[in-house]
């Protein structure tokens, strides 16, 4: 019996690609280029499974090709706002993702951004490398203390809970959060968190606001000019969720005007295209979407996709089925 034919849209860790090749008729994007709409449409027609990443826009145009062969989209990542779920459902295509395995590493990056922007780490390194440093002095590059401050979380899922754990138990931070639903009581009590009634309540009170909400259409520009204006002028915004959650123009204007003190960003609207306004700002720490970028995590993500594929082609319900 022939093996299912699958396409991996971007390069994965070697160990996972080797396993894919052993179990399936696996085909790879060898030069790791961003695939075009036409290439993704061809993949939907020619393969039993397509394994996309956040860089692939698997929209209705891609999914709606005539006579698609693809029966499962095994997404490499926990977020799936780049996939048109309604179109996939209509076409009878299963979609899976990779939760759990990237939680800690993404929370680590959120902590890194918070510390970097509060203590002016990126700015300080640029200062040093450019030869401007003349030595220690009492008023040089004063930043903001992190320990004991209030961390406000927008969303209280796995990654937010992991960040809260690190911040509360490691930095003695007070935790407040907004979440549309009621999280498990033990998760709240573990970090002595307080649930706020609205996003606005979090923004007004927090010294650091970290975004951990889905990049859904309803969350597009969730953080806009009006909400940025509610934050303390000494507060910082951290985004490791999705770029579209923040209005880039509004955030750049707020950072330039001093509406808020700074921002630490790992995701952007329209990435990899970056709004040039961010590059002019010293009070922004910018990372190139490194949230899950450790060898351990990326291998685990690939293994999770494999697990979902194996279940699907064995006629079982995949562990991480989205639709």
C-alpha atoms as a PDB file:
ATOM      1  CA  UNK A   1       0.000   0.000   0.000  1.00  0.00           C
ATOM      2  CA  UNK A   2       1.430   3.364  -1.006  1.00  0.00           C
ATOM      3  CA  UNK A   3       2.316   5.888   1.664  1.00  0.00           C
ATOM      4  CA  UNK A   4       0.338   9.143   1.911  1.00  0.00           C
ATOM      5  CA  UNK A   5       1.987  11.915  -0.075  1.00  0.00           C
ATOM      6  CA  UNK A   6       2.750  14.996   2.034  1.00  0.00           C
ATOM      7  CA  UNK A   7       4.295  18.400   1.471  1.00  0.00           C
ATOM      8  CA  UNK A   8       6.211  20.366   4.118  1.00  0.00           C
ATOM      9  CA  UNK A   9       5.993  24.040   3.164  1.00  0.00           C
ATOM     10  CA  UNK A  10       9.151  25.213   5.013  1.00  0.00           C
ATOM     11  CA  UNK A  11      12.281  23.461   6.304  1.00  0.00           C
ATOM     12  CA  UNK A  12      11.923  21.669   9.629  1.00  0.00           C
ATOM     13  CA  UNK A  13      14.641  20.312  11.945  1.00  0.00           C
ATOM     14  CA  UNK A  14      16.583  17.505  10.256  1.00  0.00           C
ATOM     15  CA  UNK A  15      15.515  14.884  12.801  1.00  0.00           C
ATOM     16  CA  UNK A  16      11.823  15.511  12.121  1.00  0.00           C
ATOM     17  CA  UNK A  17      12.250  15.615   8.338  1.00  0.00           C
ATOM     18  CA  UNK A  18      14.005  12.234   8.560  1.00  0.00           C
ATOM     19  CA  UNK A  19      11.062  10.727  10.446  1.00  0.00           C
ATOM     20  CA  UNK A  20       8.605  12.196   7.978  1.00  0.00           C
ATOM     21  CA  UNK A  21      10.558  10.612   5.118  1.00  0.00           C
ATOM     22  CA  UNK A  22      10.491   7.216   6.824  1.00  0.00           C
ATOM     23  CA  UNK A  23       6.745   7.200   7.449  1.00  0.00           C
ATOM     24  CA  UNK A  24       5.417   9.078   4.427  1.00  0.00           C
ATOM     25  CA  UNK A  25       6.065   9.957   0.816  1.00  0.00           C
ATOM     26  CA  UNK A  26       7.443  13.271   2.038  1.00  0.00           C
ATOM     27  CA  UNK A  27       8.347  16.231  -0.155  1.00  0.00           C
ATOM     28  CA  UNK A  28      10.173  19.312   1.103  1.00  0.00           C
ATOM     29  CA  UNK A  29      10.610  22.956   0.171  1.00  0.00           C
ATOM     30  CA  UNK A  30      14.367  22.490  -0.184  1.00  0.00           C
ATOM     31  CA  UNK A  31      15.346  26.143  -0.603  1.00  0.00           C
ATOM     32  CA  UNK A  32      12.956  27.207   2.195  1.00  0.00           C
ATOM     33  CA  UNK A  33      11.328  30.005   0.176  1.00  0.00           C
ATOM     34  CA  UNK A  34       7.930  31.470   1.136  1.00  0.00           C
ATOM     35  CA  UNK A  35       5.475  29.607  -1.057  1.00  0.00           C
ATOM     36  CA  UNK A  36       3.232  31.551  -3.397  1.00  0.00           C
ATOM     37  CA  UNK A  37      -0.541  31.248  -3.666  1.00  0.00           C
ATOM     38  CA  UNK A  38      -0.114  29.230  -6.860  1.00  0.00           C
ATOM     39  CA  UNK A  39       2.314  26.849  -5.149  1.00  0.00           C
ATOM     40  CA  UNK A  40      -0.004  26.355  -2.190  1.00  0.00           C
ATOM     41  CA  UNK A  41      -2.936  25.754  -4.534  1.00  0.00           C
ATOM     42  CA  UNK A  42      -0.898  23.136  -6.385  1.00  0.00           C
ATOM     43  CA  UNK A  43      -0.069  21.525  -3.049  1.00  0.00           C
ATOM     44  CA  UNK A  44      -3.765  21.277  -2.166  1.00  0.00           C
ATOM     45  CA  UNK A  45      -4.402  19.526  -5.490  1.00  0.00           C
ATOM     46  CA  UNK A  46      -1.419  17.164  -5.457  1.00  0.00           C
ATOM     47  CA  UNK A  47      -0.832  16.016  -1.864  1.00  0.00           C
ATOM     48  CA  UNK A  48      -2.778  14.049   0.728  1.00  0.00           C
ATOM     49  CA  UNK A  49      -1.491  16.328   3.495  1.00  0.00           C
ATOM     50  CA  UNK A  50       0.009  19.807   3.536  1.00  0.00           C
ATOM     51  CA  UNK A  51       2.027  20.914   6.569  1.00  0.00           C
ATOM     52  CA  UNK A  52       2.000  24.738   6.674  1.00  0.00           C
ATOM     53  CA  UNK A  53       3.480  27.279   9.064  1.00  0.00           C
ATOM     54  CA  UNK A  54       2.504  30.770  10.184  1.00  0.00           C
ATOM     55  CA  UNK A  55       4.193  32.216   7.073  1.00  0.00           C
ATOM     56  CA  UNK A  56       1.741  30.439   4.749  1.00  0.00           C
ATOM     57  CA  UNK A  57      -1.550  32.154   4.013  1.00  0.00           C
ATOM     58  CA  UNK A  58      -3.831  29.153   3.562  1.00  0.00           C
ATOM     59  CA  UNK A  59      -6.879  31.223   2.732  1.00  0.00           C
ATOM     60  CA  UNK A  60     -10.133  30.473   0.950  1.00  0.00           C
ATOM     61  CA  UNK A  61      -8.449  31.009  -2.430  1.00  0.00           C
ATOM     62  CA  UNK A  62      -5.909  28.308  -1.614  1.00  0.00           C
ATOM     63  CA  UNK A  63      -8.331  25.875   0.010  1.00  0.00           C
ATOM     64  CA  UNK A  64     -11.023  26.384  -2.636  1.00  0.00           C
ATOM     65  CA  UNK A  65      -9.112  24.845  -5.546  1.00  0.00           C
ATOM     66  CA  UNK A  66     -11.028  22.453  -7.756  1.00  0.00           C
ATOM     67  CA  UNK A  67     -10.761  18.775  -6.796  1.00  0.00           C
ATOM     68  CA  UNK A  68      -8.385  19.100  -3.843  1.00  0.00           C
ATOM     69  CA  UNK A  69      -6.525  15.931  -2.864  1.00  0.00           C
ATOM     70  CA  UNK A  70      -5.458  17.317   0.519  1.00  0.00           C
ATOM     71  CA  UNK A  71      -7.472  15.997   3.458  1.00  0.00           C
ATOM     72  CA  UNK A  72      -5.456  17.379   6.370  1.00  0.00           C
ATOM     73  CA  UNK A  73      -3.538  20.572   7.118  1.00  0.00           C
ATOM     74  CA  UNK A  74      -1.014  19.699   9.825  1.00  0.00           C
ATOM     75  CA  UNK A  75      -0.079  23.145  11.058  1.00  0.00           C
ATOM     76  CA  UNK A  76       3.409  23.615  12.505  1.00  0.00           C
ATOM     77  CA  UNK A  77       2.490  26.017  15.302  1.00  0.00           C
ATOM     78  CA  UNK A  78      -0.156  26.632  17.907  1.00  0.00           C
ATOM     79  CA  UNK A  79      -1.685  29.694  16.191  1.00  0.00           C
ATOM     80  CA  UNK A  80      -3.764  29.079  13.084  1.00  0.00           C
ATOM     81  CA  UNK A  81      -5.164  32.476  12.127  1.00  0.00           C
ATOM     82  CA  UNK A  82      -3.293  32.126   8.798  1.00  0.00           C
ATOM     83  CA  UNK A  83      -5.650  29.262   7.893  1.00  0.00           C
ATOM     84  CA  UNK A  84      -9.248  29.933   6.839  1.00  0.00           C
ATOM     85  CA  UNK A  85     -10.937  27.507   9.229  1.00  0.00           C
ATOM     86  CA  UNK A  86     -14.412  28.104   7.791  1.00  0.00           C
ATOM     87  CA  UNK A  87     -13.163  27.270   4.285  1.00  0.00           C
ATOM     88  CA  UNK A  88     -11.406  24.165   5.586  1.00  0.00           C
ATOM     89  CA  UNK A  89     -14.566  22.974   7.314  1.00  0.00           C
ATOM     90  CA  UNK A  90     -16.601  23.570   4.169  1.00  0.00           C
ATOM     91  CA  UNK A  91     -14.110  21.546   2.141  1.00  0.00           C
ATOM     92  CA  UNK A  92     -14.049  18.713   4.673  1.00  0.00           C
ATOM     93  CA  UNK A  93     -10.371  19.274   5.454  1.00  0.00           C
ATOM     94  CA  UNK A  94      -9.069  18.501   8.945  1.00  0.00           C
ATOM     95  CA  UNK A  95      -6.821  21.111  10.578  1.00  0.00           C
ATOM     96  CA  UNK A  96      -4.482  20.384  13.493  1.00  0.00           C
ATOM     97  CA  UNK A  97      -2.033  22.506  15.472  1.00  0.00           C
ATOM     98  CA  UNK A  98       0.766  22.011  18.035  1.00  0.00           C
ATOM     99  CA  UNK A  99      -0.228  23.304  21.487  1.00  0.00           C
ATOM    100  CA  UNK A 100       1.615  22.731  24.769  1.00  0.00           C
ATOM    101  CA  UNK A 101       5.115  22.086  23.421  1.00  0.00           C
ATOM    102  CA  UNK A 102       6.026  25.728  22.747  1.00  0.00           C
ATOM    103  CA  UNK A 103       4.515  27.192  25.906  1.00  0.00           C
ATOM    104  CA  UNK A 104       7.630  27.706  28.016  1.00  0.00           C
ATOM    105  CA  UNK A 105       9.896  28.961  25.243  1.00  0.00           C
ATOM    106  CA  UNK A 106       7.356  31.543  24.102  1.00  0.00           C
ATOM    107  CA  UNK A 107       6.833  32.658  27.703  1.00  0.00           C
ATOM    108  CA  UNK A 108      10.625  32.934  28.041  1.00  0.00           C
ATOM    109  CA  UNK A 109      10.727  35.305  25.061  1.00  0.00           C
ATOM    110  CA  UNK A 110       7.958  37.409  26.618  1.00  0.00           C
ATOM    111  CA  UNK A 111      10.051  37.648  29.792  1.00  0.00           C
ATOM    112  CA  UNK A 112      13.136  38.510  27.737  1.00  0.00           C
ATOM    113  CA  UNK A 113      11.291  41.337  25.994  1.00  0.00           C
ATOM    114  CA  UNK A 114       9.987  42.670  29.298  1.00  0.00           C
ATOM    115  CA  UNK A 115      13.449  42.722  30.864  1.00  0.00           C
ATOM    116  CA  UNK A 116      15.152  44.061  27.742  1.00  0.00           C
ATOM    117  CA  UNK A 117      12.832  47.003  27.276  1.00  0.00           C
ATOM    118  CA  UNK A 118      12.579  47.867  30.983  1.00  0.00           C
ATOM    119  CA  UNK A 119      16.349  47.852  31.471  1.00  0.00           C
ATOM    120  CA  UNK A 120      17.134  49.307  28.011  1.00  0.00           C
ATOM    121  CA  UNK A 121      19.126  46.242  26.992  1.00  0.00           C
ATOM    122  CA  UNK A 122      18.888  46.645  23.228  1.00  0.00           C
ATOM    123  CA  UNK A 123      19.578  50.355  23.434  1.00  0.00           C
ATOM    124  CA  UNK A 124      22.526  49.721  25.735  1.00  0.00           C
ATOM    125  CA  UNK A 125      24.117  47.177  23.413  1.00  0.00           C
ATOM    126  CA  UNK A 126      23.788  49.544  20.453  1.00  0.00           C
ATOM    127  CA  UNK A 127      25.348  52.290  22.588  1.00  0.00           C
ATOM    128  CA  UNK A 128      28.296  50.063  23.460  1.00  0.00           C
ATOM    129  CA  UNK A 129      28.873  48.632  19.985  1.00  0.00           C
ATOM    130  CA  UNK A 130      28.840  52.103  18.428  1.00  0.00           C
ATOM    131  CA  UNK A 131      31.710  53.198  20.672  1.00  0.00           C
ATOM    132  CA  UNK A 132      29.678  55.797  22.555  1.00  0.00           C
ATOM    133  CA  UNK A 133      30.135  54.353  26.054  1.00  0.00           C
ATOM    134  CA  UNK A 134      32.478  56.446  28.186  1.00  0.00           C
ATOM    135  CA  UNK A 135      32.115  54.469  31.410  1.00  0.00           C
ATOM    136  CA  UNK A 136      29.789  54.010  34.381  1.00  0.00           C
ATOM    137  CA  UNK A 137      28.051  57.032  35.849  1.00  0.00           C
ATOM    138  CA  UNK A 138      25.073  57.402  38.208  1.00  0.00           C
ATOM    139  CA  UNK A 139      22.603  58.772  35.678  1.00  0.00           C
ATOM    140  CA  UNK A 140      23.577  56.703  32.638  1.00  0.00           C
ATOM    141  CA  UNK A 141      20.743  54.844  30.843  1.00  0.00           C
ATOM    142  CA  UNK A 142      18.372  54.598  33.761  1.00  0.00           C
ATOM    143  CA  UNK A 143      15.619  52.076  33.184  1.00  0.00           C
ATOM    144  CA  UNK A 144      12.651  50.713  35.082  1.00  0.00           C
ATOM    145  CA  UNK A 145      12.635  48.130  37.851  1.00  0.00           C
ATOM    146  CA  UNK A 146      10.796  44.892  37.062  1.00  0.00           C
ATOM    147  CA  UNK A 147      10.767  43.078  40.399  1.00  0.00           C
ATOM    148  CA  UNK A 148       7.637  43.817  42.419  1.00  0.00           C
ATOM    149  CA  UNK A 149       5.790  45.585  39.605  1.00  0.00           C
ATOM    150  CA  UNK A 150       2.364  44.689  38.198  1.00  0.00           C
ATOM    151  CA  UNK A 151       2.147  42.483  35.111  1.00  0.00           C
ATOM    152  CA  UNK A 152      -1.148  42.664  33.210  1.00  0.00           C
ATOM    153  CA  UNK A 153      -1.995  39.801  30.873  1.00  0.00           C
ATOM    154  CA  UNK A 154      -4.492  40.044  28.028  1.00  0.00           C
ATOM    155  CA  UNK A 155      -5.529  36.413  27.750  1.00  0.00           C
ATOM    156  CA  UNK A 156      -4.808  33.730  30.331  1.00  0.00           C
ATOM    157  CA  UNK A 157      -4.088  30.596  28.336  1.00  0.00           C
ATOM    158  CA  UNK A 158      -1.080  28.289  28.601  1.00  0.00           C
ATOM    159  CA  UNK A 159       1.587  30.809  27.569  1.00  0.00           C
ATOM    160  CA  UNK A 160       0.152  33.583  29.716  1.00  0.00           C
ATOM    161  CA  UNK A 161       0.013  31.241  32.691  1.00  0.00           C
ATOM    162  CA  UNK A 162       3.653  30.240  32.116  1.00  0.00           C
ATOM    163  CA  UNK A 163       4.699  33.887  31.948  1.00  0.00           C
ATOM    164  CA  UNK A 164       2.715  34.619  35.110  1.00  0.00           C
ATOM    165  CA  UNK A 165       4.519  31.762  36.876  1.00  0.00           C
ATOM    166  CA  UNK A 166       7.946  33.078  35.886  1.00  0.00           C
ATOM    167  CA  UNK A 167       7.051  36.681  36.710  1.00  0.00           C
ATOM    168  CA  UNK A 168       5.337  36.048  40.048  1.00  0.00           C
ATOM    169  CA  UNK A 169       7.562  33.338  41.486  1.00  0.00           C
ATOM    170  CA  UNK A 170      10.768  34.627  39.911  1.00  0.00           C
ATOM    171  CA  UNK A 171      10.317  38.400  40.098  1.00  0.00           C
ATOM    172  CA  UNK A 172       7.686  38.781  42.818  1.00  0.00           C
ATOM    173  CA  UNK A 173       5.359  40.531  40.373  1.00  0.00           C
ATOM    174  CA  UNK A 174       1.672  41.092  41.027  1.00  0.00           C
ATOM    175  CA  UNK A 175      -0.427  39.459  38.306  1.00  0.00           C
ATOM    176  CA  UNK A 176      -3.675  40.803  36.900  1.00  0.00           C
ATOM    177  CA  UNK A 177      -5.386  39.569  33.765  1.00  0.00           C
ATOM    178  CA  UNK A 178      -8.358  39.785  31.461  1.00  0.00           C
ATOM    179  CA  UNK A 179      -9.784  36.629  29.908  1.00  0.00           C
ATOM    180  CA  UNK A 180     -13.131  36.152  28.194  1.00  0.00           C
ATOM    181  CA  UNK A 181     -13.814  32.984  30.154  1.00  0.00           C
ATOM    182  CA  UNK A 182     -13.147  31.889  33.714  1.00  0.00           C
ATOM    183  CA  UNK A 183      -9.807  30.026  33.887  1.00  0.00           C
ATOM    184  CA  UNK A 184      -9.347  27.139  36.339  1.00  0.00           C
ATOM    185  CA  UNK A 185      -9.226  28.474  39.891  1.00  0.00           C
ATOM    186  CA  UNK A 186      -6.011  26.611  40.711  1.00  0.00           C
ATOM    187  CA  UNK A 187      -4.179  28.324  37.828  1.00  0.00           C
ATOM    188  CA  UNK A 188      -5.226  31.730  39.152  1.00  0.00           C
ATOM    189  CA  UNK A 189      -4.398  30.924  42.767  1.00  0.00           C
ATOM    190  CA  UNK A 190      -0.965  29.503  41.888  1.00  0.00           C
ATOM    191  CA  UNK A 191       0.250  32.962  40.863  1.00  0.00           C
ATOM    192  CA  UNK A 192      -2.088  34.871  43.204  1.00  0.00           C
ATOM    193  CA  UNK A 193      -3.603  36.563  40.152  1.00  0.00           C
ATOM    194  CA  UNK A 194      -6.630  38.818  40.007  1.00  0.00           C
ATOM    195  CA  UNK A 195      -9.070  38.656  37.100  1.00  0.00           C
ATOM    196  CA  UNK A 196     -10.179  42.048  35.799  1.00  0.00           C
ATOM    197  CA  UNK A 197     -13.590  42.770  34.325  1.00  0.00           C
ATOM    198  CA  UNK A 198     -12.223  44.399  31.153  1.00  0.00           C
ATOM    199  CA  UNK A 199      -9.141  44.963  29.030  1.00  0.00           C
ATOM    200  CA  UNK A 200      -9.357  48.612  29.989  1.00  0.00           C
ATOM    201  CA  UNK A 201      -8.994  47.762  33.684  1.00  0.00           C
ATOM    202  CA  UNK A 202      -5.775  45.865  32.965  1.00  0.00           C
ATOM    203  CA  UNK A 203      -4.371  48.670  30.828  1.00  0.00           C
ATOM    204  CA  UNK A 204      -5.002  51.319  33.470  1.00  0.00           C
ATOM    205  CA  UNK A 205      -3.366  49.407  36.311  1.00  0.00           C
ATOM    206  CA  UNK A 206      -0.471  47.400  34.865  1.00  0.00           C
ATOM    207  CA  UNK A 207       3.164  48.467  34.691  1.00  0.00           C
ATOM    208  CA  UNK A 208       3.731  45.872  31.964  1.00  0.00           C
ATOM    209  CA  UNK A 209       1.001  44.660  29.602  1.00  0.00           C
ATOM    210  CA  UNK A 210       1.678  41.355  27.828  1.00  0.00           C
ATOM    211  CA  UNK A 211      -0.557  40.163  24.993  1.00  0.00           C
ATOM    212  CA  UNK A 212      -1.436  36.467  24.913  1.00  0.00           C
ATOM    213  CA  UNK A 213      -4.643  36.450  22.884  1.00  0.00           C
ATOM    214  CA  UNK A 214      -5.380  34.758  19.531  1.00  0.00           C
ATOM    215  CA  UNK A 215      -4.714  36.658  16.328  1.00  0.00           C
ATOM    216  CA  UNK A 216      -8.306  36.226  15.180  1.00  0.00           C
ATOM    217  CA  UNK A 217     -10.194  38.670  12.994  1.00  0.00           C
ATOM    218  CA  UNK A 218     -12.145  39.923  16.010  1.00  0.00           C
ATOM    219  CA  UNK A 219      -8.867  40.674  17.800  1.00  0.00           C
ATOM    220  CA  UNK A 220      -7.408  42.732  14.939  1.00  0.00           C
ATOM    221  CA  UNK A 221      -6.200  46.053  16.395  1.00  0.00           C
ATOM    222  CA  UNK A 222      -7.448  45.044  19.828  1.00  0.00           C
ATOM    223  CA  UNK A 223      -4.758  47.409  21.085  1.00  0.00           C
ATOM    224  CA  UNK A 224      -5.447  50.711  19.335  1.00  0.00           C
ATOM    225  CA  UNK A 225      -4.806  54.396  20.011  1.00  0.00           C
ATOM    226  CA  UNK A 226      -7.682  54.691  22.469  1.00  0.00           C
ATOM    227  CA  UNK A 227      -6.533  51.749  24.550  1.00  0.00           C
ATOM    228  CA  UNK A 228      -2.860  52.746  24.456  1.00  0.00           C
ATOM    229  CA  UNK A 229      -3.925  56.114  25.877  1.00  0.00           C
ATOM    230  CA  UNK A 230      -5.301  54.312  28.936  1.00  0.00           C
ATOM    231  CA  UNK A 231      -1.912  52.903  29.884  1.00  0.00           C
ATOM    232  CA  UNK A 232       0.389  54.596  32.366  1.00  0.00           C
ATOM    233  CA  UNK A 233       3.047  56.809  30.731  1.00  0.00           C
ATOM    234  CA  UNK A 234       5.574  54.642  32.609  1.00  0.00           C
ATOM    235  CA  UNK A 235       4.104  51.375  31.284  1.00  0.00           C
ATOM    236  CA  UNK A 236       5.383  48.943  28.639  1.00  0.00           C
ATOM    237  CA  UNK A 237       3.609  46.785  26.050  1.00  0.00           C
ATOM    238  CA  UNK A 238       4.853  43.249  25.254  1.00  0.00           C
ATOM    239  CA  UNK A 239       3.550  41.325  22.236  1.00  0.00           C
ATOM    240  CA  UNK A 240       4.399  37.691  21.535  1.00  0.00           C
ATOM    241  CA  UNK A 241       0.875  36.821  20.345  1.00  0.00           C
ATOM    242  CA  UNK A 242       0.190  37.941  16.753  1.00  0.00           C
ATOM    243  CA  UNK A 243       1.116  41.176  15.010  1.00  0.00           C
ATOM    244  CA  UNK A 244      -2.406  42.076  13.937  1.00  0.00           C
ATOM    245  CA  UNK A 245      -3.518  42.361  17.581  1.00  0.00           C
ATOM    246  CA  UNK A 246      -1.751  45.751  17.737  1.00  0.00           C
ATOM    247  CA  UNK A 247      -2.363  48.751  15.476  1.00  0.00           C
ATOM    248  CA  UNK A 248       1.219  49.452  14.347  1.00  0.00           C
ATOM    249  CA  UNK A 249       0.570  53.066  13.426  1.00  0.00           C
ATOM    250  CA  UNK A 250      -1.041  53.757  16.791  1.00  0.00           C
ATOM    251  CA  UNK A 251       1.765  52.051  18.717  1.00  0.00           C
ATOM    252  CA  UNK A 252       4.496  53.946  16.859  1.00  0.00           C
ATOM    253  CA  UNK A 253       2.679  57.233  17.525  1.00  0.00           C
ATOM    254  CA  UNK A 254       2.316  56.351  21.223  1.00  0.00           C
ATOM    255  CA  UNK A 255       5.998  55.470  21.541  1.00  0.00           C
ATOM    256  CA  UNK A 256       7.074  58.672  19.814  1.00  0.00           C
ATOM    257  CA  UNK A 257       4.749  60.824  21.908  1.00  0.00           C
ATOM    258  CA  UNK A 258       5.655  59.192  25.201  1.00  0.00           C
ATOM    259  CA  UNK A 259       2.109  57.959  25.749  1.00  0.00           C
ATOM    260  CA  UNK A 260       3.759  54.769  27.005  1.00  0.00           C
ATOM    261  CA  UNK A 261       7.374  54.200  27.974  1.00  0.00           C
ATOM    262  CA  UNK A 262       8.268  51.404  25.578  1.00  0.00           C
ATOM    263  CA  UNK A 263       7.369  48.194  23.778  1.00  0.00           C
ATOM    264  CA  UNK A 264       8.907  44.769  23.279  1.00  0.00           C
ATOM    265  CA  UNK A 265       7.740  43.026  20.104  1.00  0.00           C
ATOM    266  CA  UNK A 266       8.311  39.587  18.611  1.00  0.00           C
ATOM    267  CA  UNK A 267       5.463  39.712  16.075  1.00  0.00           C
ATOM    268  CA  UNK A 268       4.290  42.300  13.550  1.00  0.00           C
ATOM    269  CA  UNK A 269       1.479  43.167  11.199  1.00  0.00           C
ATOM    270  CA  UNK A 270       2.245  41.847   7.717  1.00  0.00           C
ATOM    271  CA  UNK A 271       5.486  40.174   8.791  1.00  0.00           C
ATOM    272  CA  UNK A 272       8.151  39.713   7.587  1.00  0.00           C
ATOM    273  CA  UNK A 273       7.485  43.243   6.360  1.00  0.00           C
ATOM    274  CA  UNK A 274       8.170  45.591   9.246  1.00  0.00           C
ATOM    275  CA  UNK A 275       6.705  49.074   9.536  1.00  0.00           C
ATOM    276  CA  UNK A 276       9.779  51.307   9.059  1.00  0.00           C
ATOM    277  CA  UNK A 277       8.617  53.537  11.901  1.00  0.00           C
ATOM    278  CA  UNK A 278       9.662  50.900  14.429  1.00  0.00           C
ATOM    279  CA  UNK A 279      13.279  51.101  13.279  1.00  0.00           C
ATOM    280  CA  UNK A 280      13.473  54.765  14.297  1.00  0.00           C
ATOM    281  CA  UNK A 281      12.533  54.068  17.910  1.00  0.00           C
ATOM    282  CA  UNK A 282      15.019  53.563  20.717  1.00  0.00           C
ATOM    283  CA  UNK A 283      12.188  52.686  23.103  1.00  0.00           C
ATOM    284  CA  UNK A 284      11.249  49.517  21.225  1.00  0.00           C
ATOM    285  CA  UNK A 285      12.946  46.127  21.440  1.00  0.00           C
ATOM    286  CA  UNK A 286      12.357  44.198  18.214  1.00  0.00           C
ATOM    287  CA  UNK A 287      12.867  40.446  17.738  1.00  0.00           C
ATOM    288  CA  UNK A 288      12.277  38.454  14.505  1.00  0.00           C
ATOM    289  CA  UNK A 289       9.493  36.119  15.719  1.00  0.00           C
ATOM    290  CA  UNK A 290      11.710  34.011  17.988  1.00  0.00           C
ATOM    291  CA  UNK A 291       8.986  32.838  20.380  1.00  0.00           C
ATOM    292  CA  UNK A 292       9.420  29.089  19.874  1.00  0.00           C
ATOM    293  CA  UNK A 293      12.888  29.258  18.330  1.00  0.00           C
ATOM    294  CA  UNK A 294      14.796  26.629  20.280  1.00  0.00           C
ATOM    295  CA  UNK A 295      15.917  23.290  18.858  1.00  0.00           C
ATOM    296  CA  UNK A 296      14.079  21.395  21.588  1.00  0.00           C
ATOM    297  CA  UNK A 297      10.794  23.156  20.930  1.00  0.00           C
ATOM    298  CA  UNK A 298      10.898  23.070  17.134  1.00  0.00           C
ATOM    299  CA  UNK A 299      11.635  19.329  17.204  1.00  0.00           C
ATOM    300  CA  UNK A 300       8.777  18.816  19.657  1.00  0.00           C
ATOM    301  CA  UNK A 301       6.455  20.815  17.398  1.00  0.00           C
ATOM    302  CA  UNK A 302       7.379  18.630  14.446  1.00  0.00           C
ATOM    303  CA  UNK A 303       6.817  15.490  16.502  1.00  0.00           C
ATOM    304  CA  UNK A 304       3.383  16.786  17.470  1.00  0.00           C
ATOM    305  CA  UNK A 305       2.492  17.254  13.775  1.00  0.00           C
ATOM    306  CA  UNK A 306       3.704  13.695  13.130  1.00  0.00           C
ATOM    307  CA  UNK A 307       1.528  12.383  15.938  1.00  0.00           C
ATOM    308  CA  UNK A 308      -1.502  14.128  14.459  1.00  0.00           C
ATOM    309  CA  UNK A 309      -0.736  12.829  10.960  1.00  0.00           C
ATOM    310  CA  UNK A 310      -0.295   9.266  12.185  1.00  0.00           C
ATOM    311  CA  UNK A 311      -3.635   9.374  13.976  1.00  0.00           C
ATOM    312  CA  UNK A 312      -5.431  10.878  10.978  1.00  0.00           C
ATOM    313  CA  UNK A 313      -4.132   8.350   8.462  1.00  0.00           C
ATOM    314  CA  UNK A 314      -4.901   5.523  10.918  1.00  0.00           C
ATOM    315  CA  UNK A 315      -8.540   6.624  10.850  1.00  0.00           C
ATOM    316  CA  UNK A 316      -8.425   8.118  14.341  1.00  0.00           C
ATOM    317  CA  UNK A 317      -9.209  11.630  15.595  1.00  0.00           C
ATOM    318  CA  UNK A 318      -5.957  13.628  15.858  1.00  0.00           C
ATOM    319  CA  UNK A 319      -5.087  14.771  19.369  1.00  0.00           C
ATOM    320  CA  UNK A 320      -4.877  18.419  18.316  1.00  0.00           C
ATOM    321  CA  UNK A 321      -7.768  18.666  15.883  1.00  0.00           C
ATOM    322  CA  UNK A 322      -8.933  22.251  15.364  1.00  0.00           C
ATOM    323  CA  UNK A 323     -11.642  21.378  12.862  1.00  0.00           C
END
